Structure formats: structure tokens, C-alpha cells
Amino acid sequence: MPQRFGEGAHFTQDARATLQRHDWPGNLVEFKAAVAAAREEAAGLTMSAGHLPGRLRSSPAPPRLTELEKAERQAIADALRTATGNRVRAAALLGISRATLYRKLRRYGLG
């Protein structure tokens, strides 16, 4: 049974599974863009995984994070947002080196 998504649009089960597999680090803008792209790609109101952007379909399941890792990931995302994407400033805000920040960005899929 497809899941409704506003204005009569539906996601199939495979599309929902694909969306749930992707880690949306508080990024509603990215999610909305993916949904908009899927709606544009789909001829009708039912969107399957094949209608989603390729990067979502091909991305592996994110690693399971501990609560501490989730908190660290969120702190990094918040610092990047505060620094308006400037990684040097974000590293300074976090009190870590740029190299450490880059390593953590890769680890948490934020890069």
C-alpha cells in the first residue's frame, strides 16, 4: 500500500525504504528537494524508488551510530550551519583541527 505524501502523491514501499535508509541530518531542504525531483520524474502521483535521485538509490545504508556518535554528528552539523558552511570556522567552533573535522565529515556522511 503506498504512503500518501501531500496533494494526492504517494510513495511506494520501496521508495519509503530508500528514503528511510538515507540519513537526513536535520536537513529538511535536502529531503524536500529529493521529493520534488521524484514528483517531477514520476508521470503520475505514485513515486517509486526509481523516481528518486540516483544518489539516494545507490547510497549504502548509513552505519548505526551510538548515542554519543549521534550527538557528535549533530554538533558538527550545527557548527557547520552556524559557520554557514565554512569548515575552518566550524572546526574552530568545535575546538578540533581541520583534519579531524574532515575525517568526521566523511565518517558521518556530512561531507
PDB file of N, CA and C in Angstrom:
ATOM      1  N   MET A   1       0.851  -1.183   0.000  1.00  0.00           N
ATOM      2  CA  MET A   1       0.000   0.000   0.000  1.00  0.00           C
ATOM      3  C   MET A   1       0.892   1.240   0.000  1.00  0.00           C
ATOM      4  N   PRO A   2       0.755   2.126  -0.953  1.00  0.00           N
ATOM      5  CA  PRO A   2       1.581   3.332  -0.993  1.00  0.00           C
ATOM      6  C   PRO A   2       1.288   4.267   0.173  1.00  0.00           C
ATOM      7  N   GLN A   3       2.281   5.038   0.541  1.00  0.00           N
ATOM      8  CA  GLN A   3       2.148   6.023   1.611  1.00  0.00           C
ATOM      9  C   GLN A   3       1.838   7.385   0.984  1.00  0.00           C
ATOM     10  N   ARG A   4       0.829   8.087   1.494  1.00  0.00           N
ATOM     11  CA  ARG A   4       0.459   9.406   0.962  1.00  0.00           C
ATOM     12  C   ARG A   4       1.522  10.441   1.293  1.00  0.00           C
ATOM     13  N   PHE A   5       1.718  11.364   0.377  1.00  0.00           N
ATOM     14  CA  PHE A   5       2.628  12.474   0.635  1.00  0.00           C
ATOM     15  C   PHE A   5       2.056  13.733   0.014  1.00  0.00           C
ATOM     16  N   GLY A   6       1.128  14.368   0.706  1.00  0.00           N
ATOM     17  CA  GLY A   6       0.575  15.643   0.276  1.00  0.00           C
ATOM     18  C   GLY A   6      -0.011  15.649  -1.120  1.00  0.00           C
ATOM     19  N   GLU A   7      -0.971  16.458  -1.350  1.00  0.00           N
ATOM     20  CA  GLU A   7      -1.584  16.705  -2.654  1.00  0.00           C
ATOM     21  C   GLU A   7      -1.819  15.437  -3.468  1.00  0.00           C
ATOM     22  N   GLY A   8      -2.199  14.357  -2.838  1.00  0.00           N
ATOM     23  CA  GLY A   8      -2.529  13.136  -3.554  1.00  0.00           C
ATOM     24  C   GLY A   8      -1.344  12.300  -3.996  1.00  0.00           C
ATOM     25  N   ALA A   9      -0.128  12.736  -3.746  1.00  0.00           N
ATOM     26  CA  ALA A   9       1.060  11.981  -4.146  1.00  0.00           C
ATOM     27  C   ALA A   9       1.295  10.834  -3.165  1.00  0.00           C
ATOM     28  N   HIS A  10       1.885   9.755  -3.686  1.00  0.00           N
ATOM     29  CA  HIS A  10       2.154   8.570  -2.868  1.00  0.00           C
ATOM     30  C   HIS A  10       3.569   8.069  -3.106  1.00  0.00           C
ATOM     31  N   PHE A  11       4.168   7.527  -2.048  1.00  0.00           N
ATOM     32  CA  PHE A  11       5.434   6.798  -2.169  1.00  0.00           C
ATOM     33  C   PHE A  11       5.115   5.316  -2.071  1.00  0.00           C
ATOM     34  N   THR A  12       5.724   4.526  -2.929  1.00  0.00           N
ATOM     35  CA  THR A  12       5.589   3.082  -2.801  1.00  0.00           C
ATOM     36  C   THR A  12       6.462   2.626  -1.636  1.00  0.00           C
ATOM     37  N   GLN A  13       6.311   1.370  -1.265  1.00  0.00           N
ATOM     38  CA  GLN A  13       7.087   0.835  -0.144  1.00  0.00           C
ATOM     39  C   GLN A  13       8.583   0.900  -0.429  1.00  0.00           C
ATOM     40  N   ASP A  14       9.007   0.599  -1.664  1.00  0.00           N
ATOM     41  CA  ASP A  14      10.439   0.650  -1.967  1.00  0.00           C
ATOM     42  C   ASP A  14      10.974   2.076  -1.894  1.00  0.00           C
ATOM     43  N   ALA A  15      10.164   3.048  -2.274  1.00  0.00           N
ATOM     44  CA  ALA A  15      10.592   4.448  -2.171  1.00  0.00           C
ATOM     45  C   ALA A  15      10.723   4.852  -0.704  1.00  0.00           C
ATOM     46  N   ARG A  16       9.761   4.454   0.117  1.00  0.00           N
ATOM     47  CA  ARG A  16       9.844   4.782   1.546  1.00  0.00           C
ATOM     48  C   ARG A  16      11.081   4.153   2.175  1.00  0.00           C
ATOM     49  N   ALA A  17      11.364   2.891   1.808  1.00  0.00           N
ATOM     50  CA  ALA A  17      12.547   2.216   2.357  1.00  0.00           C
ATOM     51  C   ALA A  17      13.821   2.944   1.941  1.00  0.00           C
ATOM     52  N   THR A  18      13.875   3.400   0.691  1.00  0.00           N
ATOM     53  CA  THR A  18      15.045   4.131   0.210  1.00  0.00           C
ATOM     54  C   THR A  18      15.202   5.446   0.966  1.00  0.00           C
ATOM     55  N   LEU A  19      14.102   6.155   1.170  1.00  0.00           N
ATOM     56  CA  LEU A  19      14.156   7.426   1.900  1.00  0.00           C
ATOM     57  C   LEU A  19      14.560   7.204   3.354  1.00  0.00           C
ATOM     58  N   GLN A  20      14.094   6.130   3.955  1.00  0.00           N
ATOM     59  CA  GLN A  20      14.428   5.854   5.355  1.00  0.00           C
ATOM     60  C   GLN A  20      15.875   5.418   5.511  1.00  0.00           C
ATOM     61  N   ARG A  21      16.438   4.811   4.481  1.00  0.00           N
ATOM     62  CA  ARG A  21      17.824   4.348   4.535  1.00  0.00           C
ATOM     63  C   ARG A  21      18.791   5.529   4.503  1.00  0.00           C
ATOM     64  N   HIS A  22      18.384   6.616   3.860  1.00  0.00           N
ATOM     65  CA  HIS A  22      19.245   7.799   3.773  1.00  0.00           C
ATOM     66  C   HIS A  22      19.196   8.538   5.095  1.00  0.00           C
ATOM     67  N   ASP A  23      20.336   9.031   5.541  1.00  0.00           N
ATOM     68  CA  ASP A  23      20.396   9.775   6.788  1.00  0.00           C
ATOM     69  C   ASP A  23      20.153  11.243   6.487  1.00  0.00           C
ATOM     70  N   TRP A  24      19.075  11.789   6.994  1.00  0.00           N
ATOM     71  CA  TRP A  24      18.724  13.188   6.771  1.00  0.00           C
ATOM     72  C   TRP A  24      19.103  13.949   8.038  1.00  0.00           C
ATOM     73  N   PRO A  25      20.324  14.462   8.111  1.00  0.00           N
ATOM     74  CA  PRO A  25      20.788  15.090   9.355  1.00  0.00           C
ATOM     75  C   PRO A  25      20.081  16.415   9.630  1.00  0.00           C
ATOM     76  N   GLY A  26      18.786  16.339   9.871  1.00  0.00           N
ATOM     77  CA  GLY A  26      18.026  17.551  10.142  1.00  0.00           C
ATOM     78  C   GLY A  26      17.904  18.431   8.915  1.00  0.00           C
ATOM     79  N   ASN A  27      18.102  17.849   7.744  1.00  0.00           N
ATOM     80  CA  ASN A  27      18.151  18.633   6.526  1.00  0.00           C
ATOM     81  C   ASN A  27      16.841  18.506   5.760  1.00  0.00           C
ATOM     82  N   LEU A  28      15.847  19.268   6.172  1.00  0.00           N
ATOM     83  CA  LEU A  28      14.550  19.249   5.528  1.00  0.00           C
ATOM     84  C   LEU A  28      14.633  19.773   4.097  1.00  0.00           C
ATOM     85  N   VAL A  29      15.539  20.692   3.843  1.00  0.00           N
ATOM     86  CA  VAL A  29      15.704  21.239   2.499  1.00  0.00           C
ATOM     87  C   VAL A  29      16.119  20.141   1.526  1.00  0.00           C
ATOM     88  N   GLU A  30      17.073  19.296   1.929  1.00  0.00           N
ATOM     89  CA  GLU A  30      17.525  18.198   1.082  1.00  0.00           C
ATOM     90  C   GLU A  30      16.390  17.202   0.830  1.00  0.00           C
ATOM     91  N   PHE A  31      15.628  16.904   1.872  1.00  0.00           N
ATOM     92  CA  PHE A  31      14.509  15.979   1.739  1.00  0.00           C
ATOM     93  C   PHE A  31      13.471  16.530   0.763  1.00  0.00           C
ATOM     94  N   LYS A  32      13.119  17.805   0.931  1.00  0.00           N
ATOM     95  CA  LYS A  32      12.124  18.415   0.042  1.00  0.00           C
ATOM     96  C   LYS A  32      12.606  18.411  -1.404  1.00  0.00           C
ATOM     97  N   ALA A  33      13.888  18.657  -1.607  1.00  0.00           N
ATOM     98  CA  ALA A  33      14.439  18.646  -2.965  1.00  0.00           C
ATOM     99  C   ALA A  33      14.351  17.250  -3.576  1.00  0.00           C
ATOM    100  N   ALA A  34      14.621  16.222  -2.786  1.00  0.00           N
ATOM    101  CA  ALA A  34      14.533  14.844  -3.277  1.00  0.00           C
ATOM    102  C   ALA A  34      13.096  14.496  -3.639  1.00  0.00           C
ATOM    103  N   VAL A  35      12.153  14.922  -2.815  1.00  0.00           N
ATOM    104  CA  VAL A  35      10.740  14.663  -3.090  1.00  0.00           C
ATOM    105  C   VAL A  35      10.299  15.421  -4.338  1.00  0.00           C
ATOM    106  N   ALA A  36      10.727  16.669  -4.471  1.00  0.00           N
ATOM    107  CA  ALA A  36      10.368  17.459  -5.653  1.00  0.00           C
ATOM    108  C   ALA A  36      10.922  16.813  -6.926  1.00  0.00           C
ATOM    109  N   ALA A  37      12.152  16.320  -6.857  1.00  0.00           N
ATOM    110  CA  ALA A  37      12.758  15.660  -8.014  1.00  0.00           C
ATOM    111  C   ALA A  37      11.985  14.385  -8.360  1.00  0.00           C
ATOM    112  N   ALA A  38      11.575  13.630  -7.353  1.00  0.00           N
ATOM    113  CA  ALA A  38      10.822  12.396  -7.588  1.00  0.00           C
ATOM    114  C   ALA A  38       9.463  12.709  -8.206  1.00  0.00           C
ATOM    115  N   ARG A  39       8.813  13.748  -7.719  1.00  0.00           N
ATOM    116  CA  ARG A  39       7.499  14.118  -8.274  1.00  0.00           C
ATOM    117  C   ARG A  39       7.638  14.553  -9.716  1.00  0.00           C
ATOM    118  N   GLU A  40       8.706  15.244 -10.020  1.00  0.00           N
ATOM    119  CA  GLU A  40       8.940  15.680 -11.400  1.00  0.00           C
ATOM    120  C   GLU A  40       9.221  14.487 -12.311  1.00  0.00           C
ATOM    121  N   GLU A  41       9.970  13.522 -11.796  1.00  0.00           N
ATOM    122  CA  GLU A  41      10.344  12.337 -12.565  1.00  0.00           C
ATOM    123  C   GLU A  41       9.149  11.400 -12.794  1.00  0.00           C
ATOM    124  N   ALA A  42       8.279  11.303 -11.792  1.00  0.00           N
ATOM    125  CA  ALA A  42       7.130  10.401 -11.880  1.00  0.00           C
ATOM    126  C   ALA A  42       6.077  10.992 -12.821  1.00  0.00           C
ATOM    127  N   ALA A  43       5.517  10.149 -13.655  1.00  0.00           N
ATOM    128  CA  ALA A  43       4.478  10.615 -14.577  1.00  0.00           C
ATOM    129  C   ALA A  43       3.170  10.869 -13.834  1.00  0.00           C
ATOM    130  N   GLY A  44       2.890  10.067 -12.831  1.00  0.00           N
ATOM    131  CA  GLY A  44       1.648  10.207 -12.080  1.00  0.00           C
ATOM    132  C   GLY A  44       1.916  10.623 -10.655  1.00  0.00           C
ATOM    133  N   LEU A  45       1.010  10.246  -9.785  1.00  0.00           N
ATOM    134  CA  LEU A  45       1.124  10.638  -8.381  1.00  0.00           C
ATOM    135  C   LEU A  45       1.835   9.607  -7.523  1.00  0.00           C
ATOM    136  N   THR A  46       2.127   8.428  -8.088  1.00  0.00           N
ATOM    137  CA  THR A  46       2.806   7.382  -7.330  1.00  0.00           C
ATOM    138  C   THR A  46       4.290   7.409  -7.656  1.00  0.00           C
ATOM    139  N   MET A  47       5.097   7.566  -6.607  1.00  0.00           N
ATOM    140  CA  MET A  47       6.549   7.656  -6.766  1.00  0.00           C
ATOM    141  C   MET A  47       7.195   6.396  -6.217  1.00  0.00           C
ATOM    142  N   SER A  48       8.022   5.761  -7.042  1.00  0.00           N
ATOM    143  CA  SER A  48       8.758   4.569  -6.609  1.00  0.00           C
ATOM    144  C   SER A  48      10.214   4.954  -6.373  1.00  0.00           C
ATOM    145  N   ALA A  49      11.004   4.011  -5.897  1.00  0.00           N
ATOM    146  CA  ALA A  49      12.426   4.276  -5.651  1.00  0.00           C
ATOM    147  C   ALA A  49      13.123   4.711  -6.940  1.00  0.00           C
ATOM    148  N   GLY A  50      12.682   4.205  -8.067  1.00  0.00           N
ATOM    149  CA  GLY A  50      13.276   4.570  -9.342  1.00  0.00           C
ATOM    150  C   GLY A  50      13.097   6.030  -9.711  1.00  0.00           C
ATOM    151  N   HIS A  51      12.146   6.706  -9.087  1.00  0.00           N
ATOM    152  CA  HIS A  51      11.921   8.125  -9.343  1.00  0.00           C
ATOM    153  C   HIS A  51      12.792   9.022  -8.464  1.00  0.00           C
ATOM    154  N   LEU A  52      13.377   8.454  -7.434  1.00  0.00           N
ATOM    155  CA  LEU A  52      14.214   9.239  -6.517  1.00  0.00           C
ATOM    156  C   LEU A  52      15.566   9.528  -7.158  1.00  0.00           C
ATOM    157  N   PRO A  53      16.238  10.608  -6.730  1.00  0.00           N
ATOM    158  CA  PRO A  53      17.571  10.901  -7.270  1.00  0.00           C
ATOM    159  C   PRO A  53      18.517   9.711  -7.093  1.00  0.00           C
ATOM    160  N   GLY A  54      19.383   9.503  -8.086  1.00  0.00           N
ATOM    161  CA  GLY A  54      20.288   8.359  -8.100  1.00  0.00           C
ATOM    162  C   GLY A  54      21.162   8.239  -6.869  1.00  0.00           C
ATOM    163  N   ARG A  55      21.595   9.362  -6.316  1.00  0.00           N
ATOM    164  CA  ARG A  55      22.471   9.310  -5.136  1.00  0.00           C
ATOM    165  C   ARG A  55      21.775   8.659  -3.951  1.00  0.00           C
ATOM    166  N   LEU A  56      20.450   8.749  -3.888  1.00  0.00           N
ATOM    167  CA  LEU A  56      19.718   8.099  -2.802  1.00  0.00           C
ATOM    168  C   LEU A  56      19.584   6.601  -3.049  1.00  0.00           C
ATOM    169  N   ARG A  57      19.378   6.236  -4.305  1.00  0.00           N
ATOM    170  CA  ARG A  57      19.208   4.814  -4.632  1.00  0.00           C
ATOM    171  C   ARG A  57      20.499   4.038  -4.478  1.00  0.00           C
ATOM    172  N   SER A  58      21.627   4.698  -4.755  1.00  0.00           N
ATOM    173  CA  SER A  58      22.904   3.997  -4.739  1.00  0.00           C
ATOM    174  C   SER A  58      23.630   4.105  -3.405  1.00  0.00           C
ATOM    175  N   SER A  59      23.144   4.943  -2.508  1.00  0.00           N
ATOM    176  CA  SER A  59      23.866   5.109  -1.248  1.00  0.00           C
ATOM    177  C   SER A  59      23.622   3.909  -0.330  1.00  0.00           C
ATOM    178  N   PRO A  60      24.699   3.397   0.271  1.00  0.00           N
ATOM    179  CA  PRO A  60      24.533   2.286   1.203  1.00  0.00           C
ATOM    180  C   PRO A  60      23.852   2.762   2.478  1.00  0.00           C
ATOM    181  N   ALA A  61      23.336   1.832   3.215  1.00  0.00           N
ATOM    182  CA  ALA A  61      22.720   2.181   4.492  1.00  0.00           C
ATOM    183  C   ALA A  61      23.767   2.829   5.390  1.00  0.00           C
ATOM    184  N   PRO A  62      23.404   3.911   6.052  1.00  0.00           N
ATOM    185  CA  PRO A  62      24.377   4.561   6.923  1.00  0.00           C
ATOM    186  C   PRO A  62      24.719   3.655   8.099  1.00  0.00           C
ATOM    187  N   PRO A  63      25.930   3.796   8.629  1.00  0.00           N
ATOM    188  CA  PRO A  63      26.294   2.966   9.771  1.00  0.00           C
ATOM    189  C   PRO A  63      25.423   3.310  10.979  1.00  0.00           C
ATOM    190  N   ARG A  64      25.170   2.321  11.781  1.00  0.00           N
ATOM    191  CA  ARG A  64      24.417   2.562  13.018  1.00  0.00           C
ATOM    192  C   ARG A  64      25.319   3.327  13.975  1.00  0.00           C
ATOM    193  N   LEU A  65      24.799   4.402  14.508  1.00  0.00           N
ATOM    194  CA  LEU A  65      25.602   5.247  15.387  1.00  0.00           C
ATOM    195  C   LEU A  65      25.166   5.069  16.829  1.00  0.00           C
ATOM    196  N   THR A  66      26.146   5.172  17.724  1.00  0.00           N
ATOM    197  CA  THR A  66      25.834   5.171  19.148  1.00  0.00           C
ATOM    198  C   THR A  66      25.227   6.528  19.480  1.00  0.00           C
ATOM    199  N   GLU A  67      24.671   6.652  20.655  1.00  0.00           N
ATOM    200  CA  GLU A  67      24.092   7.940  21.079  1.00  0.00           C
ATOM    201  C   GLU A  67      25.158   9.033  21.112  1.00  0.00           C
ATOM    202  N   LEU A  68      26.373   8.674  21.554  1.00  0.00           N
ATOM    203  CA  LEU A  68      27.465   9.642  21.589  1.00  0.00           C
ATOM    204  C   LEU A  68      27.830  10.096  20.176  1.00  0.00           C
ATOM    205  N   GLU A  69      27.886   9.141  19.238  1.00  0.00           N
ATOM    206  CA  GLU A  69      28.198   9.487  17.853  1.00  0.00           C
ATOM    207  C   GLU A  69      27.099  10.348  17.229  1.00  0.00           C
ATOM    208  N   LYS A  70      25.852  10.054  17.572  1.00  0.00           N
ATOM    209  CA  LYS A  70      24.738  10.873  17.078  1.00  0.00           C
ATOM    210  C   LYS A  70      24.858  12.307  17.593  1.00  0.00           C
ATOM    211  N   ALA A  71      25.226  12.442  18.858  1.00  0.00           N
ATOM    212  CA  ALA A  71      25.392  13.776  19.438  1.00  0.00           C
ATOM    213  C   ALA A  71      26.555  14.514  18.769  1.00  0.00           C
ATOM    214  N   GLU A  72      27.657  13.795  18.525  1.00  0.00           N
ATOM    215  CA  GLU A  72      28.802  14.401  17.868  1.00  0.00           C
ATOM    216  C   GLU A  72      28.444  14.817  16.449  1.00  0.00           C
ATOM    217  N   ARG A  73      27.752  13.957  15.738  1.00  0.00           N
ATOM    218  CA  ARG A  73      27.332  14.264  14.365  1.00  0.00           C
ATOM    219  C   ARG A  73      26.450  15.509  14.344  1.00  0.00           C
ATOM    220  N   GLN A  74      25.520  15.593  15.284  1.00  0.00           N
ATOM    221  CA  GLN A  74      24.633  16.753  15.357  1.00  0.00           C
ATOM    222  C   GLN A  74      25.406  18.017  15.698  1.00  0.00           C
ATOM    223  N   ALA A  75      26.383  17.912  16.596  1.00  0.00           N
ATOM    224  CA  ALA A  75      27.206  19.074  16.958  1.00  0.00           C
ATOM    225  C   ALA A  75      27.987  19.572  15.740  1.00  0.00           C
ATOM    226  N   ILE A  76      28.489  18.649  14.939  1.00  0.00           N
ATOM    227  CA  ILE A  76      29.225  19.029  13.727  1.00  0.00           C
ATOM    228  C   ILE A  76      28.286  19.702  12.737  1.00  0.00           C
ATOM    229  N   ALA A  77      27.100  19.123  12.533  1.00  0.00           N
ATOM    230  CA  ALA A  77      26.116  19.716  11.617  1.00  0.00           C
ATOM    231  C   ALA A  77      25.722  21.109  12.096  1.00  0.00           C
ATOM    232  N   ASP A  78      25.525  21.271  13.404  1.00  0.00           N
ATOM    233  CA  ASP A  78      25.170  22.578  13.961  1.00  0.00           C
ATOM    234  C   ASP A  78      26.297  23.593  13.764  1.00  0.00           C
ATOM    235  N   ALA A  79      27.534  23.146  13.990  1.00  0.00           N
ATOM    236  CA  ALA A  79      28.678  24.048  13.814  1.00  0.00           C
ATOM    237  C   ALA A  79      28.810  24.481  12.357  1.00  0.00           C
ATOM    238  N   LEU A  80      28.608  23.563  11.437  1.00  0.00           N
ATOM    239  CA  LEU A  80      28.656  23.916  10.010  1.00  0.00           C
ATOM    240  C   LEU A  80      27.559  24.908   9.657  1.00  0.00           C
ATOM    241  N   ARG A  81      26.387  24.719  10.218  1.00  0.00           N
ATOM    242  CA  ARG A  81      25.272  25.636   9.974  1.00  0.00           C
ATOM    243  C   ARG A  81      25.596  27.019  10.550  1.00  0.00           C
ATOM    244  N   THR A  82      26.121  27.046  11.762  1.00  0.00           N
ATOM    245  CA  THR A  82      26.488  28.315  12.401  1.00  0.00           C
ATOM    246  C   THR A  82      27.573  29.027  11.611  1.00  0.00           C
ATOM    247  N   ALA A  83      28.511  28.248  11.081  1.00  0.00           N
ATOM    248  CA  ALA A  83      29.631  28.812  10.311  1.00  0.00           C
ATOM    249  C   ALA A  83      29.267  28.995   8.833  1.00  0.00           C
ATOM    250  N   THR A  84      27.989  28.859   8.518  1.00  0.00           N
ATOM    251  CA  THR A  84      27.490  28.960   7.139  1.00  0.00           C
ATOM    252  C   THR A  84      28.335  28.156   6.149  1.00  0.00           C
ATOM    253  N   GLY A  85      28.680  26.938   6.564  1.00  0.00           N
ATOM    254  CA  GLY A  85      29.402  26.027   5.687  1.00  0.00           C
ATOM    255  C   GLY A  85      30.910  26.182   5.694  1.00  0.00           C
ATOM    256  N   ASN A  86      31.434  27.185   6.367  1.00  0.00           N
ATOM    257  CA  ASN A  86      32.878  27.407   6.416  1.00  0.00           C
ATOM    258  C   ASN A  86      33.493  26.375   7.362  1.00  0.00           C
ATOM    259  N   ARG A  87      34.240  25.458   6.791  1.00  0.00           N
ATOM    260  CA  ARG A  87      34.776  24.343   7.581  1.00  0.00           C
ATOM    261  C   ARG A  87      35.884  24.770   8.541  1.00  0.00           C
ATOM    262  N   VAL A  88      36.651  25.763   8.173  1.00  0.00           N
ATOM    263  CA  VAL A  88      37.693  26.263   9.075  1.00  0.00           C
ATOM    264  C   VAL A  88      37.043  26.841  10.330  1.00  0.00           C
ATOM    265  N   ARG A  89      36.013  27.654  10.139  1.00  0.00           N
ATOM    266  CA  ARG A  89      35.316  28.241  11.295  1.00  0.00           C
ATOM    267  C   ARG A  89      34.586  27.167  12.097  1.00  0.00           C
ATOM    268  N   ALA A  90      33.992  26.196  11.411  1.00  0.00           N
ATOM    269  CA  ALA A  90      33.285  25.120  12.114  1.00  0.00           C
ATOM    270  C   ALA A  90      34.257  24.332  12.995  1.00  0.00           C
ATOM    271  N   ALA A  91      35.441  24.034  12.458  1.00  0.00           N
ATOM    272  CA  ALA A  91      36.448  23.310  13.252  1.00  0.00           C
ATOM    273  C   ALA A  91      36.843  24.133  14.476  1.00  0.00           C
ATOM    274  N   ALA A  92      37.011  25.439  14.281  1.00  0.00           N
ATOM    275  CA  ALA A  92      37.373  26.312  15.402  1.00  0.00           C
ATOM    276  C   ALA A  92      36.257  26.327  16.452  1.00  0.00           C
ATOM    277  N   LEU A  93      35.012  26.404  15.996  1.00  0.00           N
ATOM    278  CA  LEU A  93      33.887  26.388  16.933  1.00  0.00           C
ATOM    279  C   LEU A  93      33.852  25.100  17.754  1.00  0.00           C
ATOM    280  N   LEU A  94      34.232  24.006  17.114  1.00  0.00           N
ATOM    281  CA  LEU A  94      34.218  22.709  17.792  1.00  0.00           C
ATOM    282  C   LEU A  94      35.478  22.444  18.611  1.00  0.00           C
ATOM    283  N   GLY A  95      36.511  23.263  18.381  1.00  0.00           N
ATOM    284  CA  GLY A  95      37.769  23.073  19.098  1.00  0.00           C
ATOM    285  C   GLY A  95      38.554  21.874  18.595  1.00  0.00           C
ATOM    286  N   ILE A  96      38.421  21.579  17.289  1.00  0.00           N
ATOM    287  CA  ILE A  96      39.151  20.463  16.697  1.00  0.00           C
ATOM    288  C   ILE A  96      39.910  20.963  15.469  1.00  0.00           C
ATOM    289  N   SER A  97      40.861  20.176  15.021  1.00  0.00           N
ATOM    290  CA  SER A  97      41.626  20.562  13.830  1.00  0.00           C
ATOM    291  C   SER A  97      40.783  20.362  12.576  1.00  0.00           C
ATOM    292  N   ARG A  98      41.194  21.016  11.493  1.00  0.00           N
ATOM    293  CA  ARG A  98      40.504  20.833  10.217  1.00  0.00           C
ATOM    294  C   ARG A  98      40.582  19.368   9.772  1.00  0.00           C
ATOM    295  N   ALA A  99      41.759  18.753   9.959  1.00  0.00           N
ATOM    296  CA  ALA A  99      41.925  17.353   9.557  1.00  0.00           C
ATOM    297  C   ALA A  99      40.934  16.456  10.303  1.00  0.00           C
ATOM    298  N   THR A 100      40.765  16.704  11.586  1.00  0.00           N
ATOM    299  CA  THR A 100      39.808  15.922  12.375  1.00  0.00           C
ATOM    300  C   THR A 100      38.389  16.171  11.883  1.00  0.00           C
ATOM    301  N   LEU A 101      38.077  17.427  11.589  1.00  0.00           N
ATOM    302  CA  LEU A 101      36.746  17.744  11.080  1.00  0.00           C
ATOM    303  C   LEU A 101      36.490  17.018   9.763  1.00  0.00           C
ATOM    304  N   TYR A 102      37.448  17.065   8.838  1.00  0.00           N
ATOM    305  CA  TYR A 102      37.275  16.395   7.546  1.00  0.00           C
ATOM    306  C   TYR A 102      37.077  14.885   7.727  1.00  0.00           C
ATOM    307  N   ARG A 103      37.828  14.283   8.640  1.00  0.00           N
ATOM    308  CA  ARG A 103      37.686  12.857   8.900  1.00  0.00           C
ATOM    309  C   ARG A 103      36.284  12.551   9.442  1.00  0.00           C
ATOM    310  N   LYS A 104      35.803  13.378  10.344  1.00  0.00           N
ATOM    311  CA  LYS A 104      34.482  13.161  10.926  1.00  0.00           C
ATOM    312  C   LYS A 104      33.377  13.442   9.908  1.00  0.00           C
ATOM    313  N   LEU A 105      33.589  14.401   9.029  1.00  0.00           N
ATOM    314  CA  LEU A 105      32.608  14.674   7.975  1.00  0.00           C
ATOM    315  C   LEU A 105      32.429  13.444   7.087  1.00  0.00           C
ATOM    316  N   ARG A 106      33.551  12.816   6.737  1.00  0.00           N
ATOM    317  CA  ARG A 106      33.478  11.578   5.935  1.00  0.00           C
ATOM    318  C   ARG A 106      32.810  10.471   6.732  1.00  0.00           C
ATOM    319  N   ARG A 107      33.191  10.322   7.974  1.00  0.00           N
ATOM    320  CA  ARG A 107      32.645   9.253   8.835  1.00  0.00           C
ATOM    321  C   ARG A 107      31.130   9.360   8.959  1.00  0.00           C
ATOM    322  N   TYR A 108      30.637  10.585   9.125  1.00  0.00           N
ATOM    323  CA  TYR A 108      29.224  10.790   9.361  1.00  0.00           C
ATOM    324  C   TYR A 108      28.448  11.141   8.092  1.00  0.00           C
ATOM    325  N   GLY A 109      29.122  11.114   6.951  1.00  0.00           N
ATOM    326  CA  GLY A 109      28.425  11.401   5.697  1.00  0.00           C
ATOM    327  C   GLY A 109      27.953  12.821   5.557  1.00  0.00           C
ATOM    328  N   LEU A 110      28.671  13.739   6.160  1.00  0.00           N
ATOM    329  CA  LEU A 110      28.272  15.157   6.109  1.00  0.00           C
ATOM    330  C   LEU A 110      29.075  15.938   5.063  1.00  0.00           C
ATOM    331  N   GLY A 111      30.086  15.293   4.473  1.00  0.00           N
ATOM    332  CA  GLY A 111      30.974  15.998   3.546  1.00  0.00           C
ATOM    333  C   GLY A 111      30.419  16.024   2.207  1.00  0.00           C
TER     334      GLY A 111
END
